Amino acid sequence: MGVPMSSTTNEQHVRSKYGRHFYAIVALSCCALLPLMKTAAVEEPEATGEQPEVLTEQTLPEQAPRKSPPERLIADKPDSEKPEPKRPYSGADSAVHFATAGNRLREEAARYRELNSQWQAIEPGLPLRAGDQGPRVGQLRKLLNLFGDYTGQPGPVSTGDINPERFDAGLQLAVESYQRRHGMVVTGVADKATLRELERPPKELARLLELNAKRWDQLPDNPGQRYILVNVPDFRLQLVDRQRIVLSMKTVVGKSTKRTPEMTTKVVSVVFNPTWTVPRSILLTDLLPKARNNPEAMHKRGYRVVKYGTNTTTPISDESIQSAASGKATLRQISGPGNTLGRVKFVIPNKQAIFLHDTQAQSLFENHHRAYSHGCIRLQQPEELAYALLGQQGWDRTRVAQATTGDESVTIKVDDPPKLFITYLTAWVDGLGKVNFRPDIYHRDK
């Protein structure tokens, strides 16, 4: 019996025996394995978990017929609108610690007060951009050094051997950092808005930091392992799990005359294809005049008159409009693709009739300032939040997509409802230790 050959010796033996046919054999073997490899790559195991509880109107069938996905599914969106791909965990993914947020802001407030004696405003003039030169560029550089947008920490630093009065690439990055921290459009150009923001001295920023420290103090030290934070001035929602931001998306919030209220509540259910019962304030100021002027158009948009205390709807007419105006009825918009709440609504117990919901006006998310609603919070990626909340109940993205098709309204209870904090915070220290400011859209910082 011979000595067993090593893998290298065995390969040499086969190669010497079959000569040039050796590589053909290898190629054919790889081709034979390729379909198996592809199958293994695309097949995912079925999601497991308890069947979700349906609260109203219709139960989704166990084997629902496969429907075409809605047009706004995440998978079908342009790359610029899709959620960011997963990346290694970093400090940028860390949520603010509720227990220490107030004290961190007080520490930064003390530091900003110390900077006030070194602060000097930039002389009035035109916007500054890459390639510009002159004394005002030097003044801009000094301010951004002072605020820490070169080092990440407030305080003056040495700029080395660079020409301080030339707007170079390093200064452009510092401008971008400042704009990002202050919730501005990031352009790298010291435009009018940026120069106006730089006119606020450190002592004024210190006052804002202390004011927001008090706001953080009003929140619980322990928000729970899993919670949702909507910060109104930031126009953003975050889903946090074990202190890590696992989902973040843009929001549209209430305009200054219809402010989104602060509250602490829970997301208790997800409604696919919701109806919308119009609040009386919106009914009187907005929709009743439209119904009187063009009842046919309102009917085509899915509006019906429904008497309070019943589910009986009637078409819009002079008589039904008068009933709604007198307070005996209101308008309800039927479920479907044209519904004001979109395809998904998240129910949160509160007395102000506030929801988180989808929207037909997707173009508003392209704007930087997004205070347009009547108080409810519109979400850029409601399907992603629905999947995140129902994923442990057997819901995968395909099932969420199927639930958003059709016109029937379906309500699914969230088994472990996360807390929801709707806040008004114009300053905080993020997971990277950077001080962030946001515009005072409701004029509460005065």
Protein backbone atom coordinates (compact mmCIF):
# COMPACT_ATOMS: atom_id res chain seq x y z
CA MET A 1 0.00 0.00 0.00
CA GLY A 2 1.48 3.34 -1.08
CA VAL A 3 1.83 6.48 0.97
CA PRO A 4 -1.30 8.75 0.78
CA MET A 5 -0.68 11.72 -1.46
CA SER A 6 -1.06 15.26 -0.17
CA SER A 7 -3.53 17.58 -1.91
CA THR A 8 -0.67 19.20 -3.83
CA THR A 9 0.81 15.84 -4.87
CA ASN A 10 -2.65 14.58 -5.85
CA GLU A 11 -3.27 17.64 -8.06
CA GLN A 12 0.12 17.15 -9.75
CA HIS A 13 -0.70 13.49 -10.34
CA VAL A 14 -4.05 14.29 -12.00
CA ARG A 15 -2.52 17.10 -14.04
CA SER A 16 0.27 14.83 -15.31
CA LYS A 17 -2.22 12.05 -16.13
CA TYR A 18 -4.78 14.17 -18.03
CA GLY A 19 -2.48 16.87 -19.35
CA ARG A 20 -4.19 19.87 -20.90
CA HIS A 21 -7.63 18.29 -20.21
CA PHE A 22 -7.10 18.96 -16.51
CA TYR A 23 -8.25 22.62 -16.76
CA ALA A 24 -11.28 21.68 -18.84
CA ILE A 25 -12.35 19.23 -16.13
CA VAL A 26 -11.99 21.94 -13.48
CA ALA A 27 -14.02 24.42 -15.55
CA LEU A 28 -16.83 21.91 -16.13
CA SER A 29 -16.94 21.13 -12.42
CA CYS A 30 -17.31 24.82 -11.55
CA CYS A 31 -20.12 25.24 -14.09
CA ALA A 32 -21.96 22.28 -12.59
CA LEU A 33 -21.72 23.78 -9.10
CA LEU A 34 -22.70 27.31 -10.14
CA PRO A 35 -26.52 26.80 -10.18
CA LEU A 36 -26.35 25.23 -6.72
CA MET A 37 -24.34 28.19 -5.45
CA LYS A 38 -26.87 30.65 -6.92
CA THR A 39 -29.79 28.79 -5.37
CA ALA A 40 -28.15 28.87 -1.97
CA ALA A 41 -27.50 32.59 -2.32
CA VAL A 42 -31.06 33.70 -3.17
CA GLU A 43 -33.17 31.37 -1.05
CA GLU A 44 -33.94 32.79 2.39
CA PRO A 45 -35.56 30.83 5.20
CA GLU A 46 -39.16 31.68 5.99
CA ALA A 47 -39.54 34.19 8.81
CA THR A 48 -40.84 32.54 11.94
CA GLY A 49 -42.89 33.79 14.84
CA GLU A 50 -46.43 33.93 16.12
CA GLN A 51 -49.20 34.92 13.74
CA PRO A 52 -49.90 38.64 14.27
CA GLU A 53 -53.19 39.63 15.83
CA VAL A 54 -55.60 41.46 13.55
CA LEU A 55 -57.67 44.10 15.31
CA THR A 56 -59.99 45.32 12.57
CA GLU A 57 -61.65 44.70 9.27
CA GLN A 58 -59.75 41.89 7.53
CA THR A 59 -57.24 39.15 8.15
CA LEU A 60 -54.47 38.68 5.63
CA PRO A 61 -54.71 35.15 4.16
CA GLU A 62 -52.04 32.66 5.10
CA GLN A 63 -51.21 32.12 1.41
CA ALA A 64 -52.13 35.45 -0.12
CA PRO A 65 -51.93 35.55 -3.91
CA ARG A 66 -48.74 37.22 -5.02
CA LYS A 67 -49.39 40.79 -6.07
CA SER A 68 -47.27 43.31 -7.87
CA PRO A 69 -45.39 45.39 -5.31
CA PRO A 70 -46.38 49.04 -4.91
CA GLU A 71 -44.37 51.58 -6.85
CA ARG A 72 -42.70 53.10 -3.79
CA LEU A 73 -41.18 49.94 -2.37
CA ILE A 74 -37.67 50.47 -1.09
CA ALA A 75 -36.27 47.94 -3.57
CA ASP A 76 -37.71 49.90 -6.49
CA LYS A 77 -36.57 53.34 -5.41
CA PRO A 78 -33.66 55.20 -7.00
CA ASP A 79 -30.33 54.64 -5.26
CA SER A 80 -30.46 58.15 -3.80
CA GLU A 81 -33.72 57.33 -1.98
CA LYS A 82 -32.88 53.84 -0.71
CA PRO A 83 -31.82 53.23 2.90
CA GLU A 84 -28.08 53.41 3.38
CA PRO A 85 -26.35 50.02 3.06
CA LYS A 86 -25.23 48.33 6.22
CA ARG A 87 -21.77 49.38 7.35
CA PRO A 88 -19.55 48.56 10.31
CA TYR A 89 -20.83 49.89 13.63
CA SER A 90 -19.33 53.25 14.57
CA GLY A 91 -19.86 56.11 16.99
CA ALA A 92 -22.13 57.77 14.44
CA ASP A 93 -24.61 54.91 15.03
CA SER A 94 -24.70 55.49 18.79
CA ALA A 95 -27.85 57.05 20.19
CA VAL A 96 -27.73 59.84 22.73
CA HIS A 97 -27.77 58.51 26.31
CA PHE A 98 -30.85 59.99 27.94
CA ALA A 99 -29.35 59.69 31.43
CA THR A 100 -26.27 61.81 30.65
CA ALA A 101 -27.48 64.05 27.80
CA GLY A 102 -28.31 67.01 30.04
CA ASN A 103 -24.99 66.99 31.86
CA ARG A 104 -23.06 66.65 28.60
CA LEU A 105 -24.76 69.79 27.33
CA ARG A 106 -23.92 71.66 30.53
CA GLU A 107 -20.27 70.69 30.13
CA GLU A 108 -20.29 72.02 26.57
CA ALA A 109 -22.08 75.18 27.69
CA ALA A 110 -19.26 75.92 30.14
CA ARG A 111 -16.71 75.35 27.38
CA TYR A 112 -18.54 77.65 24.97
CA ARG A 113 -18.66 80.43 27.57
CA GLU A 114 -14.87 80.21 27.86
CA LEU A 115 -14.58 80.67 24.09
CA ASN A 116 -16.55 83.91 24.06
CA SER A 117 -13.54 86.14 24.79
CA GLN A 118 -11.77 84.75 21.70
CA TRP A 119 -14.75 85.08 19.37
CA GLN A 120 -14.72 87.82 16.73
CA ALA A 121 -17.40 88.26 14.07
CA ILE A 122 -16.59 88.09 10.37
CA GLU A 123 -16.75 91.43 8.59
CA PRO A 124 -19.88 91.85 6.41
CA GLY A 125 -19.47 90.83 2.80
CA LEU A 126 -20.25 88.34 0.07
CA PRO A 127 -20.38 84.55 0.52
CA LEU A 128 -16.99 82.82 0.68
CA ARG A 129 -16.08 79.71 -1.29
CA ALA A 130 -13.10 77.59 -2.34
CA GLY A 131 -10.43 79.67 -4.08
CA ASP A 132 -11.36 82.98 -2.44
CA GLN A 133 -8.65 84.97 -0.69
CA GLY A 134 -8.60 87.89 1.71
CA PRO A 135 -8.90 88.91 5.37
CA ARG A 136 -12.49 87.63 5.66
CA VAL A 137 -11.30 84.13 4.74
CA GLY A 138 -8.82 84.35 7.61
CA GLN A 139 -11.60 85.44 9.96
CA LEU A 140 -13.73 82.49 8.84
CA ARG A 141 -10.85 80.10 9.46
CA LYS A 142 -10.32 81.45 12.98
CA LEU A 143 -13.98 81.02 13.88
CA LEU A 144 -14.14 77.45 12.61
CA ASN A 145 -10.94 76.66 14.50
CA LEU A 146 -12.51 78.15 17.60
CA PHE A 147 -15.66 76.03 17.29
CA GLY A 148 -13.67 72.86 16.71
CA ASP A 149 -14.56 72.05 13.13
CA TYR A 150 -10.93 71.17 12.39
CA THR A 151 -10.29 69.09 15.49
CA GLY A 152 -13.72 67.91 16.57
CA GLN A 153 -13.34 69.75 19.90
CA PRO A 154 -14.07 73.42 20.64
CA GLY A 155 -10.99 75.56 21.14
CA PRO A 156 -8.29 77.28 19.07
CA VAL A 157 -5.75 75.11 17.20
CA SER A 158 -2.69 75.77 15.09
CA THR A 159 -3.27 75.81 11.33
CA GLY A 160 0.36 75.06 10.53
CA ASP A 161 2.07 76.46 7.45
CA ILE A 162 -1.05 77.05 5.35
CA ASN A 163 -2.04 80.46 3.99
CA PRO A 164 -4.76 81.46 6.48
CA GLU A 165 -6.35 83.93 4.06
CA ARG A 166 -6.87 81.43 1.21
CA PHE A 167 -10.05 79.33 1.10
CA ASP A 168 -8.50 75.89 0.58
CA ALA A 169 -9.83 72.32 0.68
CA GLY A 170 -9.26 72.04 4.42
CA LEU A 171 -11.35 75.12 5.09
CA GLN A 172 -14.09 73.79 2.83
CA LEU A 173 -14.24 70.58 4.88
CA ALA A 174 -14.46 72.67 8.04
CA VAL A 175 -17.36 74.67 6.60
CA GLU A 176 -19.13 71.41 5.73
CA SER A 177 -18.58 70.14 9.27
CA TYR A 178 -20.03 73.33 10.73
CA GLN A 179 -23.04 73.22 8.42
CA ARG A 180 -23.69 69.57 9.25
CA ARG A 181 -23.54 70.21 13.01
CA HIS A 182 -25.93 73.13 12.70
CA GLY A 183 -28.50 71.29 10.60
CA MET A 184 -27.88 73.36 7.49
CA VAL A 185 -27.66 72.45 3.82
CA VAL A 186 -24.12 71.09 3.44
CA THR A 187 -22.45 72.90 0.53
CA GLY A 188 -18.95 73.78 1.74
CA VAL A 189 -19.72 77.39 0.81
CA ALA A 190 -19.95 80.03 3.54
CA ASP A 191 -23.20 81.39 2.13
CA LYS A 192 -25.55 83.96 3.66
CA ALA A 193 -27.22 81.43 5.95
CA THR A 194 -23.88 80.10 7.20
CA LEU A 195 -22.44 83.56 7.78
CA ARG A 196 -25.62 84.53 9.64
CA GLU A 197 -25.30 81.47 11.87
CA LEU A 198 -21.66 82.33 12.58
CA GLU A 199 -22.79 85.73 13.89
CA ARG A 200 -24.13 84.04 17.03
CA PRO A 201 -21.46 84.41 19.73
CA PRO A 202 -20.47 81.43 21.91
CA LYS A 203 -22.25 82.88 24.95
CA GLU A 204 -25.55 82.76 23.04
CA LEU A 205 -24.88 79.16 22.01
CA ALA A 206 -24.04 78.35 25.64
CA ARG A 207 -27.48 79.65 26.64
CA LEU A 208 -29.11 77.35 24.08
CA LEU A 209 -27.10 74.39 25.35
CA GLU A 210 -28.27 75.01 28.92
CA LEU A 211 -31.87 75.45 27.77
CA ASN A 212 -31.79 72.12 25.96
CA ALA A 213 -30.12 70.45 28.94
CA LYS A 214 -33.32 71.22 30.87
CA ARG A 215 -35.38 69.69 28.07
CA TRP A 216 -33.30 66.51 28.19
CA ASP A 217 -33.77 66.42 31.97
CA GLN A 218 -37.52 66.07 31.43
CA LEU A 219 -37.03 62.81 29.52
CA PRO A 220 -36.62 59.53 31.43
CA ASP A 221 -33.11 58.32 32.24
CA ASN A 222 -34.01 54.90 30.86
CA PRO A 223 -36.11 55.09 27.67
CA GLY A 224 -36.10 51.32 27.31
CA GLN A 225 -34.06 48.86 25.30
CA ARG A 226 -35.98 49.64 22.10
CA TYR A 227 -37.64 52.98 21.39
CA ILE A 228 -38.41 55.54 18.71
CA LEU A 229 -37.25 59.15 18.90
CA VAL A 230 -38.75 61.86 16.71
CA ASN A 231 -36.98 65.19 17.16
CA VAL A 232 -39.22 67.78 15.54
CA PRO A 233 -36.57 70.46 14.71
CA ASP A 234 -34.28 67.77 13.26
CA PHE A 235 -37.01 66.56 10.86
CA ARG A 236 -35.93 62.98 11.55
CA LEU A 237 -37.06 59.73 13.15
CA GLN A 238 -34.69 57.23 14.76
CA LEU A 239 -35.43 53.67 15.84
CA VAL A 240 -32.99 52.75 18.60
CA ASP A 241 -32.22 49.22 19.78
CA ARG A 242 -29.72 48.67 22.62
CA GLN A 243 -28.35 52.22 22.23
CA ARG A 244 -27.72 51.71 18.52
CA ILE A 245 -29.59 53.63 15.82
CA VAL A 246 -30.89 50.80 13.61
CA LEU A 247 -33.19 52.90 11.41
CA SER A 248 -33.20 56.60 10.58
CA MET A 249 -35.41 58.48 8.16
CA LYS A 250 -36.60 61.95 7.20
CA THR A 251 -39.89 63.29 8.53
CA VAL A 252 -42.32 66.07 7.69
CA VAL A 253 -43.69 67.77 10.83
CA GLY A 254 -46.31 70.37 11.68
CA LYS A 255 -45.99 73.86 10.31
CA SER A 256 -45.62 76.78 12.72
CA THR A 257 -49.38 77.34 12.85
CA LYS A 258 -50.14 73.60 13.34
CA ARG A 259 -47.29 72.52 15.60
CA THR A 260 -46.47 68.89 16.25
CA PRO A 261 -46.90 68.41 20.02
CA GLU A 262 -44.31 66.88 22.31
CA MET A 263 -45.40 63.61 23.90
CA THR A 264 -44.35 60.24 25.25
CA THR A 265 -46.46 57.34 24.04
CA LYS A 266 -46.13 53.96 22.27
CA VAL A 267 -46.60 52.60 18.75
CA VAL A 268 -49.34 50.05 19.41
CA SER A 269 -50.42 49.01 15.91
CA VAL A 270 -49.69 49.30 12.21
CA VAL A 271 -52.56 50.00 9.81
CA PHE A 272 -52.11 49.09 6.16
CA ASN A 273 -54.32 50.98 3.68
CA PRO A 274 -55.83 53.21 6.38
CA THR A 275 -58.95 55.32 6.14
CA TRP A 276 -58.76 58.91 7.35
CA THR A 277 -61.41 60.48 9.55
CA VAL A 278 -60.87 64.21 9.16
CA PRO A 279 -60.32 66.13 12.44
CA ARG A 280 -62.87 68.87 12.96
CA SER A 281 -60.30 71.67 12.83
CA ILE A 282 -59.16 70.58 9.35
CA LEU A 283 -62.76 69.93 8.33
CA LEU A 284 -63.90 73.48 9.06
CA THR A 285 -60.87 75.41 7.83
CA ASP A 286 -59.84 73.36 4.82
CA LEU A 287 -62.05 70.57 3.50
CA LEU A 288 -65.62 71.82 3.94
CA PRO A 289 -65.01 74.87 1.72
CA LYS A 290 -63.53 72.56 -0.92
CA ALA A 291 -66.49 70.18 -0.61
CA ARG A 292 -68.94 73.05 -1.14
CA ASN A 293 -67.05 74.41 -4.15
CA ASN A 294 -66.43 71.08 -5.90
CA PRO A 295 -68.20 68.08 -4.35
CA GLU A 296 -67.49 65.86 -7.36
CA ALA A 297 -63.73 66.36 -7.04
CA MET A 298 -63.88 65.54 -3.33
CA HIS A 299 -65.88 62.39 -4.09
CA LYS A 300 -63.28 61.28 -6.66
CA ARG A 301 -60.58 61.76 -4.03
CA GLY A 302 -62.41 59.25 -1.84
CA TYR A 303 -64.16 61.55 0.65
CA ARG A 304 -67.51 60.52 2.12
CA VAL A 305 -69.67 61.97 4.88
CA VAL A 306 -69.94 59.80 8.01
CA LYS A 307 -72.14 60.51 11.02
CA TYR A 308 -70.38 60.56 14.38
CA GLY A 309 -70.83 57.31 16.27
CA THR A 310 -71.49 55.24 13.14
CA ASN A 311 -69.59 53.72 10.23
CA THR A 312 -72.30 54.57 7.71
CA THR A 313 -71.00 56.77 4.93
CA THR A 314 -73.01 58.84 2.45
CA PRO A 315 -71.94 60.71 -0.68
CA ILE A 316 -71.14 64.39 -0.45
CA SER A 317 -74.22 66.53 -1.00
CA ASP A 318 -75.60 69.87 0.19
CA GLU A 319 -77.52 68.08 2.94
CA SER A 320 -74.57 65.96 4.13
CA ILE A 321 -72.24 68.97 4.02
CA GLN A 322 -74.67 70.87 6.23
CA SER A 323 -74.73 67.91 8.62
CA ALA A 324 -70.92 67.99 8.82
CA ALA A 325 -70.87 71.76 9.30
CA SER A 326 -73.32 71.51 12.21
CA GLY A 327 -71.12 69.01 14.03
CA LYS A 328 -73.31 65.94 13.49
CA ALA A 329 -70.93 64.36 10.96
CA THR A 330 -67.49 64.64 9.45
CA LEU A 331 -65.63 63.59 6.33
CA ARG A 332 -63.85 60.27 5.98
CA GLN A 333 -61.48 59.39 3.17
CA ILE A 334 -61.69 55.77 2.06
CA SER A 335 -58.57 53.62 1.93
CA GLY A 336 -56.62 53.34 -1.27
CA PRO A 337 -53.69 54.75 -3.21
CA GLY A 338 -54.96 58.34 -3.00
CA ASN A 339 -55.52 58.42 0.76
CA THR A 340 -53.93 61.36 2.57
CA LEU A 341 -52.30 59.00 5.09
CA GLY A 342 -50.78 56.93 2.29
CA ARG A 343 -50.47 53.16 2.55
CA VAL A 344 -49.29 52.83 6.17
CA LYS A 345 -50.34 54.45 9.44
CA PHE A 346 -48.84 53.91 12.90
CA VAL A 347 -51.30 54.25 15.77
CA ILE A 348 -50.00 56.08 18.85
CA PRO A 349 -52.41 56.70 21.75
CA ASN A 350 -52.81 60.45 22.32
CA LYS A 351 -55.52 63.09 22.72
CA GLN A 352 -54.40 65.30 19.82
CA ALA A 353 -55.21 62.80 17.01
CA ILE A 354 -51.54 62.62 15.99
CA PHE A 355 -50.27 59.72 13.84
CA LEU A 356 -47.09 58.64 12.17
CA HIS A 357 -47.97 57.89 8.57
CA ASP A 358 -47.06 57.56 4.92
CA THR A 359 -47.76 60.42 2.50
CA GLN A 360 -48.55 60.98 -1.15
CA ALA A 361 -46.40 64.14 -1.15
CA GLN A 362 -43.04 62.39 -1.39
CA SER A 363 -41.43 65.41 -3.05
CA LEU A 364 -41.49 67.29 0.27
CA PHE A 365 -38.72 65.03 1.57
CA GLU A 366 -36.39 66.63 -0.97
CA ASN A 367 -36.64 69.91 0.96
CA HIS A 368 -34.27 70.69 3.79
CA HIS A 369 -36.87 72.48 5.92
CA ARG A 370 -39.86 70.15 6.26
CA ALA A 371 -42.55 71.75 8.45
CA TYR A 372 -45.65 71.38 6.28
CA SER A 373 -48.18 69.12 8.01
CA HIS A 374 -51.21 69.84 10.23
CA GLY A 375 -49.35 68.28 13.17
CA CYS A 376 -49.03 64.62 12.23
CA ILE A 377 -45.63 63.17 11.37
CA ARG A 378 -45.11 61.98 7.80
CA LEU A 379 -42.45 59.34 7.21
CA GLN A 380 -40.15 58.94 4.23
CA GLN A 381 -39.86 55.14 4.60
CA PRO A 382 -42.99 53.88 6.40
CA GLU A 383 -42.65 50.37 4.95
CA GLU A 384 -39.20 50.05 6.55
CA LEU A 385 -40.55 51.06 9.96
CA ALA A 386 -43.45 48.60 9.57
CA TYR A 387 -40.99 45.81 8.79
CA ALA A 388 -38.79 46.79 11.75
CA LEU A 389 -41.76 46.68 14.15
CA LEU A 390 -43.41 43.52 12.78
CA GLY A 391 -40.34 41.54 11.73
CA GLN A 392 -40.37 39.44 14.90
CA GLN A 393 -44.04 38.61 14.31
CA GLY A 394 -43.42 36.76 11.06
CA TRP A 395 -43.51 39.73 8.71
CA ASP A 396 -40.81 39.96 6.06
CA ARG A 397 -40.53 42.75 3.49
CA THR A 398 -42.53 40.80 0.90
CA ARG A 399 -45.45 40.43 3.27
CA VAL A 400 -45.32 44.12 4.16
CA ALA A 401 -45.32 44.94 0.44
CA GLN A 402 -48.34 42.72 -0.19
CA ALA A 403 -50.22 44.29 2.71
CA THR A 404 -49.86 47.75 1.18
CA THR A 405 -51.56 46.73 -2.08
CA GLY A 406 -55.29 46.75 -2.59
CA ASP A 407 -57.85 48.92 -0.86
CA GLU A 408 -58.88 46.89 2.20
CA SER A 409 -57.79 48.32 5.55
CA VAL A 410 -55.89 45.92 7.82
CA THR A 411 -54.71 46.64 11.37
CA ILE A 412 -51.91 44.62 12.98
CA LYS A 413 -51.16 44.87 16.68
CA VAL A 414 -47.49 45.34 17.62
CA ASP A 415 -46.76 42.60 20.15
CA ASP A 416 -44.02 44.50 21.97
CA PRO A 417 -44.89 48.17 21.36
CA PRO A 418 -41.83 50.44 21.60
CA LYS A 419 -42.00 53.75 23.40
CA LEU A 420 -42.21 56.81 21.20
CA PHE A 421 -40.69 60.13 22.27
CA ILE A 422 -41.74 63.16 20.22
CA THR A 423 -39.36 65.88 21.37
CA TYR A 424 -38.35 69.45 20.66
CA LEU A 425 -34.56 69.54 21.02
CA THR A 426 -32.49 72.20 19.27
CA ALA A 427 -29.14 71.02 20.71
CA TRP A 428 -27.48 67.76 21.73
CA VAL A 429 -24.11 66.00 21.81
CA ASP A 430 -24.08 63.10 19.34
CA GLY A 431 -22.41 59.69 19.49
CA LEU A 432 -19.18 61.15 18.09
CA GLY A 433 -19.03 63.77 20.84
CA LYS A 434 -19.95 66.64 18.49
CA VAL A 435 -22.28 69.43 19.56
CA ASN A 436 -25.29 69.70 17.25
CA PHE A 437 -27.68 72.63 16.85
CA ARG A 438 -30.97 72.78 14.96
CA PRO A 439 -33.17 75.71 13.89
CA ASP A 440 -35.80 76.88 16.35
CA ILE A 441 -38.71 76.29 13.97
CA TYR A 442 -41.41 76.97 16.61
CA HIS A 443 -39.62 79.92 18.28
CA ARG A 444 -39.33 78.26 21.68
CA ASP A 445 -35.68 79.13 22.35
CA LYS A 446 -36.31 82.81 23.05
